[in-house]
Amino acid sequence: MSYTSRFLAPGALIASLTACVSLGACGGTSSTDETLFGGDGGSSSTGQSSSGSPGGSSGGSSDGGGGACTPCLSDKDCGGGYCVQVASDSYCAASCAGGASCSADEACTALSTSAGQEVSACVPRGGVCGIGSGSGSGGSSSSGGTTGSSSGTGSSGGGSTCGTLVGPNTSAGCSSCSGGSSTCQPNGCYGGWWCDTATNKCQSPPSNCTGGGSSSSGGSGSSGSSSGGIDGGAPPTGTVGNTGGSVSRLYFAVVGDTRPPNTDDTSGYPTAIATKIFQDIQGMNPRPTFGVSTGDYMYATPGNGQAAPQLNLYVGARGNFTNVMFPAMGNHECTGYTASNCGSGNSDGVTENYTAFLNQMLQPIGQSNPYYAINVNSSSGAWTAKFVFVAANAWTSAQSSWLDSTLSQATTYTFIIRHESASANTAPGVSPAEAIYAKHPYTLSIVGHTHTYEKSGAKEVIFGNGGAPLSGGNYGFGLIQQRSSDNAIQVDMIDYQSLQPDSSFEFAVNPDGSAAP
């Protein structure tokens, strides 16, 4: 079936588009009919030029949809349509606001744009780009999302607040429905969405709000500590530096995508959110011994001079956490497009963004390549662990050989940190890396790219909620620790306002990645 009448792109119309719209396949909440979208599947290999502009052709589709999608960075790429966050990437879609109708094969759906604005756009009812067309799991979510009605109040009540999040029936400063294009809620959003008063952006309702503030201005919640459900054992001892280290047990933080809402929008950098997240990590008792980050620290056009200033803001916020952070490279550290590939000899070459990332993020920890490995072992010799950082947007045959060799080195625990999830396979290094992963044992793959948090696979977890415009869930950070009781690895998401874990998201894996109690 064709969707060419509804989807717009520069120079060509998009044939089809998939959206999980924060349902069970991608976490969070939604007011959308649950029958629209299926479960997880592969992404199509969408064509893009080496300069990073959207391509019009599509490679082979692994999701069963058979359609072509046009990726985008912002609305200006979409010829009058919206650049919306769907599945594991952003694609152009036509508006259905103000009474505009969709075709019989589409649904008018509330989505987040790449800038974090809530919009209504027509999306196909079958799976095509990014998500398969299987039966899926409806509104259930690994991040604890609860599907709301079109006028729903969210999981915590429409008149409630949750930290800086304000429910539909409480007055707030969001403006997604200004101009009378949609039925407007008192908070300035529509379709049951909540307003984040820290950014005045709309988002899907919070999955829970334990310990959060209750005032309309957003209470600060309880003070940070690792008590209760996230206490995995005795406070860790030992240290981790730029080259690794030894500790009594693994206990580290994960910070996801942190970028402004619009291209070259350095003044709109989410400094306050990033600063609070790193202050939260610093204030935990016990404090994580180190941290990892999943990429996208900037939203800058290569050559416009904004990459370094944006990284300066990130590094300044990160400085509130005094222990070492190990960063992964994201697509925005190349050209911004998921299909981009940077580095000497690659299609996009050495961009300003790539150079700034190497100089400002990697050089201070003694790394010269965007892919590297760090060993953190038991101070008693009881176990070993390696942290393997993969750069899917700087993929080369040399990195492929290095990854295979590095994963061949036996350790008790293996954590692989990469920006894109397995489903975002338009990134040059995703599918080749996944093929290498399959040959070796590993504990957990930690990724970002999608601006939410979600257990996205048996051995994959997404943390992309570090300040970039949300597609679901709340801002916060991951906390990963080795449990003293059974040596399993426990994974939590800590809300940056309430400083409480999302109990419905928590899970654990054994050293080999199998599910643990």
Protein backbone atom coordinates (compact mmCIF):
# COMPACT_ATOMS: atom_id res chain seq x y z
CA MET A 1 0.00 0.00 0.00
CA SER A 2 1.17 3.52 -0.66
CA TYR A 3 1.44 6.42 1.75
CA THR A 4 2.93 8.88 -0.70
CA SER A 5 0.06 11.34 -0.34
CA ARG A 6 0.76 11.84 3.36
CA PHE A 7 4.51 11.94 3.89
CA LEU A 8 6.73 14.75 2.75
CA ALA A 9 10.44 15.06 2.06
CA PRO A 10 12.73 17.43 0.17
CA GLY A 11 12.73 16.37 -3.47
CA ALA A 12 10.74 13.20 -2.89
CA LEU A 13 7.71 11.95 -0.96
CA ILE A 14 8.16 9.25 1.61
CA ALA A 15 6.46 6.02 0.68
CA SER A 16 5.84 4.82 4.17
CA LEU A 17 6.67 5.31 7.81
CA THR A 18 6.46 3.32 10.99
CA ALA A 19 5.82 4.58 14.48
CA CYS A 20 5.83 2.67 17.71
CA VAL A 21 4.72 5.93 19.32
CA SER A 22 5.96 5.00 22.76
CA LEU A 23 3.94 1.79 22.96
CA GLY A 24 5.24 -1.53 24.18
CA ALA A 25 7.88 -1.72 21.45
CA CYS A 26 9.65 1.44 22.53
CA GLY A 27 8.55 2.18 26.08
CA GLY A 28 6.70 5.11 27.60
CA THR A 29 3.03 5.90 27.15
CA SER A 30 0.64 6.78 24.40
CA SER A 31 -2.91 7.80 23.64
CA THR A 32 -2.69 5.90 20.36
CA ASP A 33 -4.79 2.89 19.37
CA GLU A 34 -2.63 -0.05 20.41
CA THR A 35 -3.46 -2.00 17.24
CA LEU A 36 -1.57 0.42 15.00
CA PHE A 37 1.90 -0.89 15.52
CA GLY A 38 3.62 -4.19 16.08
CA GLY A 39 6.57 -5.44 18.03
CA ASP A 40 10.26 -4.98 17.51
CA GLY A 41 11.75 -5.60 14.09
CA GLY A 42 14.66 -4.46 11.98
CA SER A 43 15.15 -1.06 10.43
CA SER A 44 15.34 -0.54 6.69
CA SER A 45 18.67 0.45 5.22
CA THR A 46 17.62 3.90 4.16
CA GLY A 47 19.80 5.59 1.55
CA GLN A 48 21.63 8.76 2.53
CA SER A 49 24.30 10.71 0.77
CA SER A 50 27.76 10.90 2.25
CA SER A 51 27.25 14.59 2.91
CA GLY A 52 24.49 13.72 5.34
CA SER A 53 21.46 14.98 3.42
CA PRO A 54 18.48 12.64 3.24
CA GLY A 55 18.61 10.19 0.37
CA GLY A 56 15.62 9.24 -1.69
CA SER A 57 16.30 5.55 -2.21
CA SER A 58 15.94 2.70 0.18
CA GLY A 59 18.02 -0.37 0.68
CA GLY A 60 16.64 -3.74 1.57
CA SER A 61 14.04 -3.71 4.30
CA SER A 62 14.35 -6.21 7.09
CA ASP A 63 11.12 -5.30 8.78
CA GLY A 64 8.61 -6.70 6.37
CA GLY A 65 7.16 -3.35 5.46
CA GLY A 66 8.92 -2.89 2.15
CA GLY A 67 8.59 0.90 2.15
CA ALA A 68 11.11 3.71 1.88
CA CYS A 69 11.66 6.25 4.66
CA THR A 70 13.33 9.63 4.57
CA PRO A 71 15.32 10.41 7.72
CA CYS A 72 15.58 13.97 8.97
CA LEU A 73 17.29 16.17 11.53
CA SER A 74 14.65 18.89 11.81
CA ASP A 75 11.34 20.05 10.34
CA LYS A 76 13.16 22.06 7.67
CA ASP A 77 14.22 18.76 6.08
CA CYS A 78 10.59 17.77 5.56
CA GLY A 79 9.16 20.22 3.03
CA GLY A 80 6.34 21.45 5.24
CA GLY A 81 5.91 18.28 7.29
CA TYR A 82 7.29 17.31 10.66
CA CYS A 83 10.51 15.56 11.63
CA VAL A 84 9.08 13.13 14.19
CA GLN A 85 10.74 10.69 16.56
CA VAL A 86 9.57 7.19 15.68
CA ALA A 87 11.03 3.83 16.56
CA SER A 88 14.81 4.20 16.66
CA ASP A 89 15.17 7.30 14.49
CA SER A 90 13.53 10.47 13.15
CA TYR A 91 11.53 10.57 9.91
CA CYS A 92 9.42 13.11 8.02
CA ALA A 93 5.63 12.90 8.34
CA ALA A 94 2.69 15.06 7.25
CA SER A 95 0.60 17.02 9.73
CA CYS A 96 -2.98 16.10 10.55
CA ALA A 97 -3.55 19.02 12.90
CA GLY A 98 -6.43 21.45 12.48
CA GLY A 99 -8.84 18.89 11.05
CA ALA A 100 -6.59 17.59 8.27
CA SER A 101 -7.50 14.00 7.54
CA CYS A 102 -5.35 10.92 7.14
CA SER A 103 -5.92 8.16 4.64
CA ALA A 104 -7.83 5.01 5.59
CA ASP A 105 -4.53 3.20 6.13
CA GLU A 106 -3.17 5.82 8.53
CA ALA A 107 -3.91 7.18 11.97
CA CYS A 108 -3.59 10.73 13.24
CA THR A 109 -1.18 10.27 16.11
CA ALA A 110 0.43 12.42 18.81
CA LEU A 111 4.21 12.31 18.35
CA SER A 112 7.28 14.22 19.48
CA THR A 113 9.29 16.07 16.88
CA SER A 114 13.07 16.03 16.88
CA ALA A 115 12.83 19.33 18.79
CA GLY A 116 10.56 17.83 21.44
CA GLN A 117 7.31 19.50 20.38
CA GLU A 118 4.10 17.48 20.50
CA VAL A 119 2.44 17.35 17.08
CA SER A 120 -0.29 15.39 15.30
CA ALA A 121 0.94 13.45 12.28
CA CYS A 122 -0.40 10.72 10.00
CA VAL A 123 1.34 7.38 10.43
CA PRO A 124 0.64 4.05 8.72
CA ARG A 125 -1.09 1.30 10.64
CA GLY A 126 1.35 -1.42 9.52
CA GLY A 127 5.03 -1.92 10.26
CA VAL A 128 7.51 -0.51 7.79
CA CYS A 129 10.57 1.53 8.82
CA GLY A 130 12.15 0.76 12.14
CA ILE A 131 9.54 -1.52 13.72
CA GLY A 132 8.24 -4.86 12.51
CA SER A 133 4.61 -5.59 11.78
CA GLY A 134 4.19 -8.38 14.32
CA SER A 135 1.60 -8.55 17.02
CA GLY A 136 3.66 -6.62 19.55
CA SER A 137 2.69 -6.28 23.16
CA GLY A 138 0.27 -3.41 23.10
CA GLY A 139 0.76 -0.77 25.70
CA SER A 140 3.02 -2.69 28.03
CA SER A 141 6.49 -1.30 28.36
CA SER A 142 9.80 -2.20 29.92
CA SER A 143 9.94 1.37 31.16
CA GLY A 144 6.64 0.94 32.91
CA GLY A 145 4.48 2.98 30.59
CA THR A 146 0.69 2.87 30.90
CA THR A 147 -1.40 3.58 27.86
CA GLY A 148 -3.69 6.52 28.38
CA SER A 149 -6.90 7.51 26.65
CA SER A 150 -7.07 10.36 24.16
CA SER A 151 -8.18 12.62 26.96
CA GLY A 152 -6.40 10.58 29.57
CA THR A 153 -4.88 11.78 32.75
CA GLY A 154 -1.74 9.70 32.59
CA SER A 155 -0.55 7.20 35.09
CA SER A 156 -0.42 9.70 37.92
CA GLY A 157 -3.63 11.63 37.26
CA GLY A 158 -4.33 14.51 34.89
CA GLY A 159 -4.30 17.15 37.61
CA SER A 160 -1.13 15.88 39.24
CA THR A 161 2.49 16.93 39.08
CA CYS A 162 5.62 14.80 39.08
CA GLY A 163 8.75 16.82 39.72
CA THR A 164 8.79 19.34 36.88
CA LEU A 165 6.10 17.41 34.96
CA VAL A 166 2.60 18.88 35.05
CA GLY A 167 -0.51 16.86 34.18
CA PRO A 168 -3.09 17.73 31.52
CA ASN A 169 -5.52 19.52 33.85
CA THR A 170 -2.99 21.78 35.57
CA SER A 171 -2.00 25.14 34.11
CA ALA A 172 1.53 25.25 32.67
CA GLY A 173 3.56 27.03 30.00
CA CYS A 174 3.71 24.51 27.17
CA SER A 175 2.34 25.65 23.82
CA SER A 176 2.07 22.62 21.54
CA CYS A 177 -1.60 23.29 20.88
CA SER A 178 -1.44 27.06 20.48
CA GLY A 179 -3.32 28.57 17.58
CA GLY A 180 -6.40 26.40 18.00
CA SER A 181 -5.07 23.55 15.87
CA SER A 182 -5.89 20.95 18.52
CA THR A 183 -8.03 20.60 21.61
CA CYS A 184 -5.88 22.33 24.18
CA GLN A 185 -5.41 21.15 27.77
CA PRO A 186 -4.74 23.64 30.59
CA ASN A 187 -1.06 22.66 30.57
CA GLY A 188 -0.72 23.69 26.89
CA CYS A 189 -0.48 20.13 25.53
CA TYR A 190 -3.11 17.81 24.10
CA GLY A 191 -3.91 14.11 23.84
CA GLY A 192 -3.23 13.44 27.52
CA TRP A 193 0.40 14.59 27.36
CA TRP A 194 2.20 16.27 30.26
CA CYS A 195 4.18 19.52 30.28
CA ASP A 196 7.77 19.61 31.52
CA THR A 197 8.05 23.02 33.14
CA ALA A 198 11.84 22.83 33.03
CA THR A 199 11.77 22.97 29.23
CA ASN A 200 8.13 23.91 28.42
CA LYS A 201 8.02 20.85 26.15
CA CYS A 202 5.21 18.28 26.07
CA GLN A 203 5.88 14.60 26.62
CA SER A 204 4.00 11.39 27.24
CA PRO A 205 2.76 10.87 30.82
CA PRO A 206 5.29 9.67 33.41
CA SER A 207 5.28 5.95 34.06
CA ASN A 208 5.29 6.49 37.82
CA CYS A 209 5.98 9.24 40.31
CA THR A 210 7.19 7.71 43.53
CA GLY A 211 8.75 10.30 45.80
CA GLY A 212 8.41 13.18 43.35
CA GLY A 213 7.34 16.70 44.09
CA SER A 214 3.69 17.63 44.24
CA SER A 215 3.61 21.36 43.66
CA SER A 216 2.81 22.84 40.27
CA SER A 217 6.29 24.30 40.12
CA GLY A 218 7.81 20.85 40.54
CA GLY A 219 9.03 19.71 43.90
CA SER A 220 12.52 18.40 44.26
CA GLY A 221 11.45 15.09 45.77
CA SER A 222 13.55 13.21 48.24
CA SER A 223 17.28 13.51 48.57
CA GLY A 224 19.43 11.12 46.62
CA SER A 225 20.56 7.87 48.12
CA SER A 226 20.94 4.30 46.97
CA SER A 227 18.68 2.88 49.64
CA GLY A 228 15.67 0.64 49.20
CA GLY A 229 15.22 -1.22 45.93
CA ILE A 230 18.45 -0.04 44.35
CA ASP A 231 20.74 -1.12 47.15
CA GLY A 232 22.71 -4.03 45.70
CA GLY A 233 25.16 -4.51 48.54
CA ALA A 234 27.86 -2.87 50.61
CA PRO A 235 29.32 0.44 49.41
CA PRO A 236 32.00 -0.31 46.81
CA THR A 237 35.63 0.32 47.56
CA GLY A 238 38.47 0.92 45.12
CA THR A 239 38.97 3.45 42.33
CA VAL A 240 38.59 3.72 38.57
CA GLY A 241 40.68 6.16 36.54
CA ASN A 242 41.17 6.96 32.87
CA THR A 243 42.80 3.61 32.21
CA GLY A 244 40.47 1.50 34.35
CA GLY A 245 40.92 0.22 37.86
CA SER A 246 39.87 -2.27 40.50
CA VAL A 247 36.84 -2.17 42.80
CA SER A 248 35.13 -4.42 45.31
CA ARG A 249 31.94 -4.50 43.20
CA LEU A 250 30.72 -2.86 39.99
CA TYR A 251 28.64 0.26 40.60
CA PHE A 252 28.41 2.81 37.79
CA ALA A 253 26.11 5.39 36.20
CA VAL A 254 24.87 5.73 32.61
CA VAL A 255 23.97 9.10 31.06
CA GLY A 256 22.13 9.15 27.75
CA ASP A 257 21.66 11.62 24.90
CA THR A 258 22.27 15.24 25.91
CA ARG A 259 21.73 17.72 23.09
CA PRO A 260 19.69 20.86 22.40
CA PRO A 261 16.31 20.61 20.66
CA ASN A 262 17.33 22.33 17.42
CA THR A 263 20.32 22.44 15.11
CA ASP A 264 23.00 24.94 16.21
CA ASP A 265 20.76 25.92 19.14
CA THR A 266 23.65 26.39 21.55
CA SER A 267 21.64 28.86 23.66
CA GLY A 268 19.00 26.13 24.07
CA TYR A 269 21.44 23.51 25.31
CA PRO A 270 19.83 21.50 28.17
CA THR A 271 22.48 22.68 30.61
CA ALA A 272 20.13 22.77 33.61
CA ILE A 273 18.96 19.19 33.08
CA ALA A 274 22.47 17.86 32.43
CA THR A 275 23.85 19.72 35.42
CA LYS A 276 21.14 18.32 37.70
CA ILE A 277 21.74 14.79 36.43
CA PHE A 278 25.45 14.94 37.17
CA GLN A 279 24.82 16.60 40.53
CA ASP A 280 22.43 13.75 41.31
CA ILE A 281 25.09 11.17 40.48
CA GLN A 282 27.67 13.02 42.53
CA GLY A 283 25.31 13.21 45.51
CA MET A 284 24.42 9.52 45.60
CA ASN A 285 25.44 7.63 48.71
CA PRO A 286 27.41 5.62 47.83
CA ARG A 287 28.61 7.53 44.79
CA PRO A 288 29.08 5.54 41.56
CA THR A 289 32.76 4.84 41.05
CA PHE A 290 32.60 5.87 37.36
CA GLY A 291 30.13 6.53 34.56
CA VAL A 292 29.56 5.84 30.87
CA SER A 293 27.63 7.94 28.35
CA THR A 294 25.85 6.80 25.20
CA GLY A 295 26.55 9.64 22.73
CA ASP A 296 24.93 12.72 21.13
CA TYR A 297 26.41 15.53 23.18
CA MET A 298 25.72 18.15 20.49
CA TYR A 299 23.29 19.13 17.73
CA ALA A 300 25.50 21.14 15.43
CA THR A 301 25.90 21.57 11.69
CA PRO A 302 29.51 20.69 10.79
CA GLY A 303 31.29 23.87 9.75
CA ASN A 304 29.02 26.29 11.65
CA GLY A 305 31.32 26.55 14.65
CA GLN A 306 28.85 25.29 17.26
CA ALA A 307 30.27 21.84 18.03
CA ALA A 308 33.00 22.98 20.43
CA PRO A 309 30.79 25.50 22.30
CA GLN A 310 28.12 22.84 22.85
CA LEU A 311 30.67 20.33 24.08
CA ASN A 312 32.01 22.99 26.44
CA LEU A 313 28.53 23.19 27.99
CA TYR A 314 28.34 19.43 28.30
CA VAL A 315 31.81 19.15 29.84
CA GLY A 316 30.90 21.92 32.27
CA ALA A 317 27.78 20.05 33.40
CA ARG A 318 29.67 16.77 33.55
CA GLY A 319 32.22 18.41 35.84
CA ASN A 320 29.69 18.19 38.67
CA PHE A 321 30.50 14.47 38.85
CA THR A 322 34.08 14.17 40.04
CA ASN A 323 34.71 10.56 39.03
CA VAL A 324 35.72 9.53 35.52
CA MET A 325 33.20 9.33 32.65
CA PHE A 326 33.81 7.19 29.56
CA PRO A 327 31.92 8.47 26.48
CA ALA A 328 30.62 6.62 23.42
CA MET A 329 30.37 8.41 20.06
CA GLY A 330 26.92 9.24 18.63
CA ASN A 331 25.74 10.11 15.14
CA HIS A 332 25.69 13.81 16.08
CA GLU A 333 29.42 13.54 16.67
CA CYS A 334 29.69 12.87 12.91
CA THR A 335 27.16 14.80 10.78
CA GLY A 336 23.95 14.19 12.73
CA TYR A 337 22.44 11.65 10.36
CA THR A 338 22.24 8.08 11.60
CA ALA A 339 23.75 6.78 8.34
CA SER A 340 26.79 9.05 8.56
CA ASN A 341 30.28 7.60 8.86
CA CYS A 342 33.20 9.76 9.99
CA GLY A 343 36.94 9.37 10.19
CA SER A 344 39.80 9.38 7.77
CA GLY A 345 38.89 7.45 4.63
CA ASN A 346 35.18 7.17 5.46
CA SER A 347 32.37 8.74 3.44
CA ASP A 348 31.88 11.78 5.69
CA GLY A 349 35.54 12.31 6.51
CA VAL A 350 36.79 14.26 9.49
CA THR A 351 34.03 16.73 10.35
CA GLU A 352 34.16 19.59 12.82
CA ASN A 353 31.88 17.62 15.14
CA TYR A 354 34.10 14.55 14.98
CA THR A 355 37.24 16.55 15.70
CA ALA A 356 35.60 18.35 18.63
CA PHE A 357 34.51 15.02 20.12
CA LEU A 358 38.01 13.57 19.84
CA ASN A 359 39.63 16.67 21.31
CA GLN A 360 37.21 17.57 24.08
CA MET A 361 35.80 14.21 25.15
CA LEU A 362 38.36 11.53 24.37
CA GLN A 363 41.73 13.25 24.61
CA PRO A 364 41.24 14.10 28.32
CA ILE A 365 40.88 10.39 29.15
CA GLY A 366 43.85 9.42 26.98
CA GLN A 367 41.94 7.97 24.02
CA SER A 368 42.75 8.81 20.40
CA ASN A 369 40.20 6.53 18.69
CA PRO A 370 36.40 6.70 19.04
CA TYR A 371 36.43 2.98 19.87
CA TYR A 372 38.31 1.67 22.89
CA ALA A 373 38.09 -0.69 25.86
CA ILE A 374 38.44 -0.20 29.62
CA ASN A 375 39.09 -2.96 32.17
CA VAL A 376 37.59 -2.73 35.66
CA ASN A 377 38.40 -5.79 37.72
CA SER A 378 37.73 -7.13 41.18
CA SER A 379 40.12 -5.81 43.83
CA SER A 380 40.09 -9.30 45.36
CA GLY A 381 40.63 -11.12 42.07
CA ALA A 382 37.18 -12.76 42.20
CA TRP A 383 36.03 -11.53 38.78
CA THR A 384 37.04 -9.45 35.77
CA ALA A 385 35.11 -6.98 33.61
CA LYS A 386 35.66 -5.09 30.39
CA PHE A 387 33.79 -2.09 28.97
CA VAL A 388 33.89 -2.02 25.17
CA PHE A 389 33.03 1.26 23.41
CA VAL A 390 31.88 0.87 19.82
CA ALA A 391 31.67 3.79 17.34
CA ALA A 392 29.00 2.79 14.81
CA ASN A 393 29.38 6.17 13.05
CA ALA A 394 33.13 5.78 12.59
CA TRP A 395 33.08 2.21 11.36
CA THR A 396 36.08 0.74 9.57
CA SER A 397 37.53 -2.68 8.91
CA ALA A 398 40.15 -1.86 11.56
CA GLN A 399 37.42 -1.33 14.16
CA SER A 400 35.75 -4.57 13.10
CA SER A 401 38.96 -6.54 13.66
CA TRP A 402 39.60 -4.75 16.95
CA LEU A 403 36.08 -5.50 18.21
CA ASP A 404 36.33 -9.20 17.38
CA SER A 405 39.70 -9.42 19.09
CA THR A 406 38.59 -7.45 22.15
CA LEU A 407 35.44 -9.51 22.69
CA SER A 408 37.54 -12.67 22.36
CA GLN A 409 39.37 -11.76 25.56
CA ALA A 410 37.65 -13.71 28.32
CA THR A 411 36.21 -11.72 31.24
CA THR A 412 33.51 -12.51 33.78
CA TYR A 413 31.48 -9.48 32.70
CA THR A 414 31.42 -7.73 29.32
CA PHE A 415 29.55 -4.46 28.82
CA ILE A 416 29.30 -3.04 25.30
CA ILE A 417 28.50 0.67 24.99
CA ARG A 418 27.34 1.99 21.63
CA HIS A 419 25.09 4.87 20.61
CA GLU A 420 22.53 3.19 18.34
CA SER A 421 20.41 0.20 19.31
CA ALA A 422 20.35 -2.98 17.25
CA SER A 423 17.19 -1.79 15.47
CA ALA A 424 18.85 1.43 14.24
CA ASN A 425 20.75 -0.49 11.60
CA THR A 426 21.14 2.37 9.13
CA ALA A 427 24.20 3.33 11.20
CA PRO A 428 27.15 1.80 9.32
CA GLY A 429 28.54 -0.12 12.26
CA VAL A 430 25.38 -1.49 13.85
CA SER A 431 24.75 -4.64 11.81
CA PRO A 432 28.46 -5.57 11.49
CA ALA A 433 28.94 -5.07 15.23
CA GLU A 434 25.87 -7.12 16.09
CA ALA A 435 27.23 -9.97 13.96
CA ILE A 436 30.46 -9.86 15.97
CA TYR A 437 28.58 -9.68 19.29
CA ALA A 438 26.76 -12.89 18.37
CA LYS A 439 30.07 -14.77 18.24
CA HIS A 440 31.04 -13.93 21.82
CA PRO A 441 29.55 -13.99 25.32
CA TYR A 442 28.60 -10.64 26.81
CA THR A 443 26.60 -9.35 29.74
CA LEU A 444 24.78 -6.27 28.48
CA SER A 445 24.68 -3.88 25.51
CA ILE A 446 24.10 -0.30 26.68
CA VAL A 447 22.83 2.12 24.01
CA GLY A 448 21.08 5.47 23.53
CA HIS A 449 19.84 7.27 20.39
CA THR A 450 16.14 6.88 21.26
CA HIS A 451 15.23 9.56 23.79
CA THR A 452 13.71 7.40 26.48
CA TYR A 453 14.74 4.48 28.66
CA GLU A 454 13.79 0.94 27.78
CA LYS A 455 14.86 -2.68 28.00
CA SER A 456 15.01 -3.05 24.24
CA GLY A 457 16.24 -6.61 23.97
CA ALA A 458 17.20 -9.64 26.04
CA LYS A 459 20.70 -8.19 26.45
CA GLU A 460 20.18 -4.56 25.39
CA VAL A 461 19.07 -1.51 27.35
CA ILE A 462 18.45 2.05 26.11
CA PHE A 463 19.37 5.12 28.13
CA GLY A 464 18.72 8.16 25.92
CA ASN A 465 17.07 10.44 28.49
CA GLY A 466 19.97 12.67 29.48
CA GLY A 467 18.55 16.01 28.28
CA ALA A 468 17.66 15.60 24.59
CA PRO A 469 13.95 16.09 23.73
CA LEU A 470 12.11 13.09 25.12
CA SER A 471 10.14 10.60 23.08
CA GLY A 472 8.91 8.93 26.27
CA GLY A 473 9.61 8.52 29.96
CA ASN A 474 11.38 11.05 32.18
CA TYR A 475 14.82 12.61 32.29
CA GLY A 476 17.28 10.74 34.44
CA PHE A 477 20.22 8.36 34.41
CA GLY A 478 20.92 4.67 34.61
CA LEU A 479 22.40 3.00 37.67
CA ILE A 480 24.05 -0.37 37.07
CA GLN A 481 25.51 -2.45 39.86
CA GLN A 482 26.79 -5.86 40.75
CA ARG A 483 24.65 -7.41 43.47
CA SER A 484 26.60 -8.77 46.41
CA SER A 485 24.05 -11.52 46.99
CA ASP A 486 24.40 -13.36 43.68
CA ASN A 487 26.83 -11.30 41.51
CA ALA A 488 24.04 -10.55 39.02
CA ILE A 489 23.99 -7.14 37.34
CA GLN A 490 21.02 -5.01 38.39
CA VAL A 491 19.80 -2.17 36.13
CA ASP A 492 17.76 0.81 37.36
CA MET A 493 16.65 4.17 35.98
CA ILE A 494 16.82 7.07 38.45
CA ASP A 495 14.49 10.00 37.86
CA TYR A 496 16.47 13.25 37.88
CA GLN A 497 13.86 15.12 39.94
CA SER A 498 12.54 12.58 42.44
CA LEU A 499 15.86 10.69 42.60
CA GLN A 500 13.83 7.50 42.86
CA PRO A 501 14.13 4.38 40.72
CA ASP A 502 11.39 3.30 38.33
CA SER A 503 10.48 0.01 40.01
CA SER A 504 8.59 -1.23 36.94
CA PHE A 505 11.73 -0.86 34.81
CA GLU A 506 14.25 -2.59 37.09
CA PHE A 507 15.75 -5.85 35.85
CA ALA A 508 18.84 -7.98 36.36
CA VAL A 509 21.05 -10.21 34.24
CA ASN A 510 23.64 -12.83 35.01
CA PRO A 511 27.24 -12.41 33.83
CA ASP A 512 26.38 -14.23 30.58
CA GLY A 513 23.43 -11.91 29.93
CA SER A 514 20.71 -14.39 30.82
CA ALA A 515 17.83 -13.13 32.93
CA ALA A 516 18.42 -13.11 36.69
CA PRO A 517 15.75 -13.04 39.41
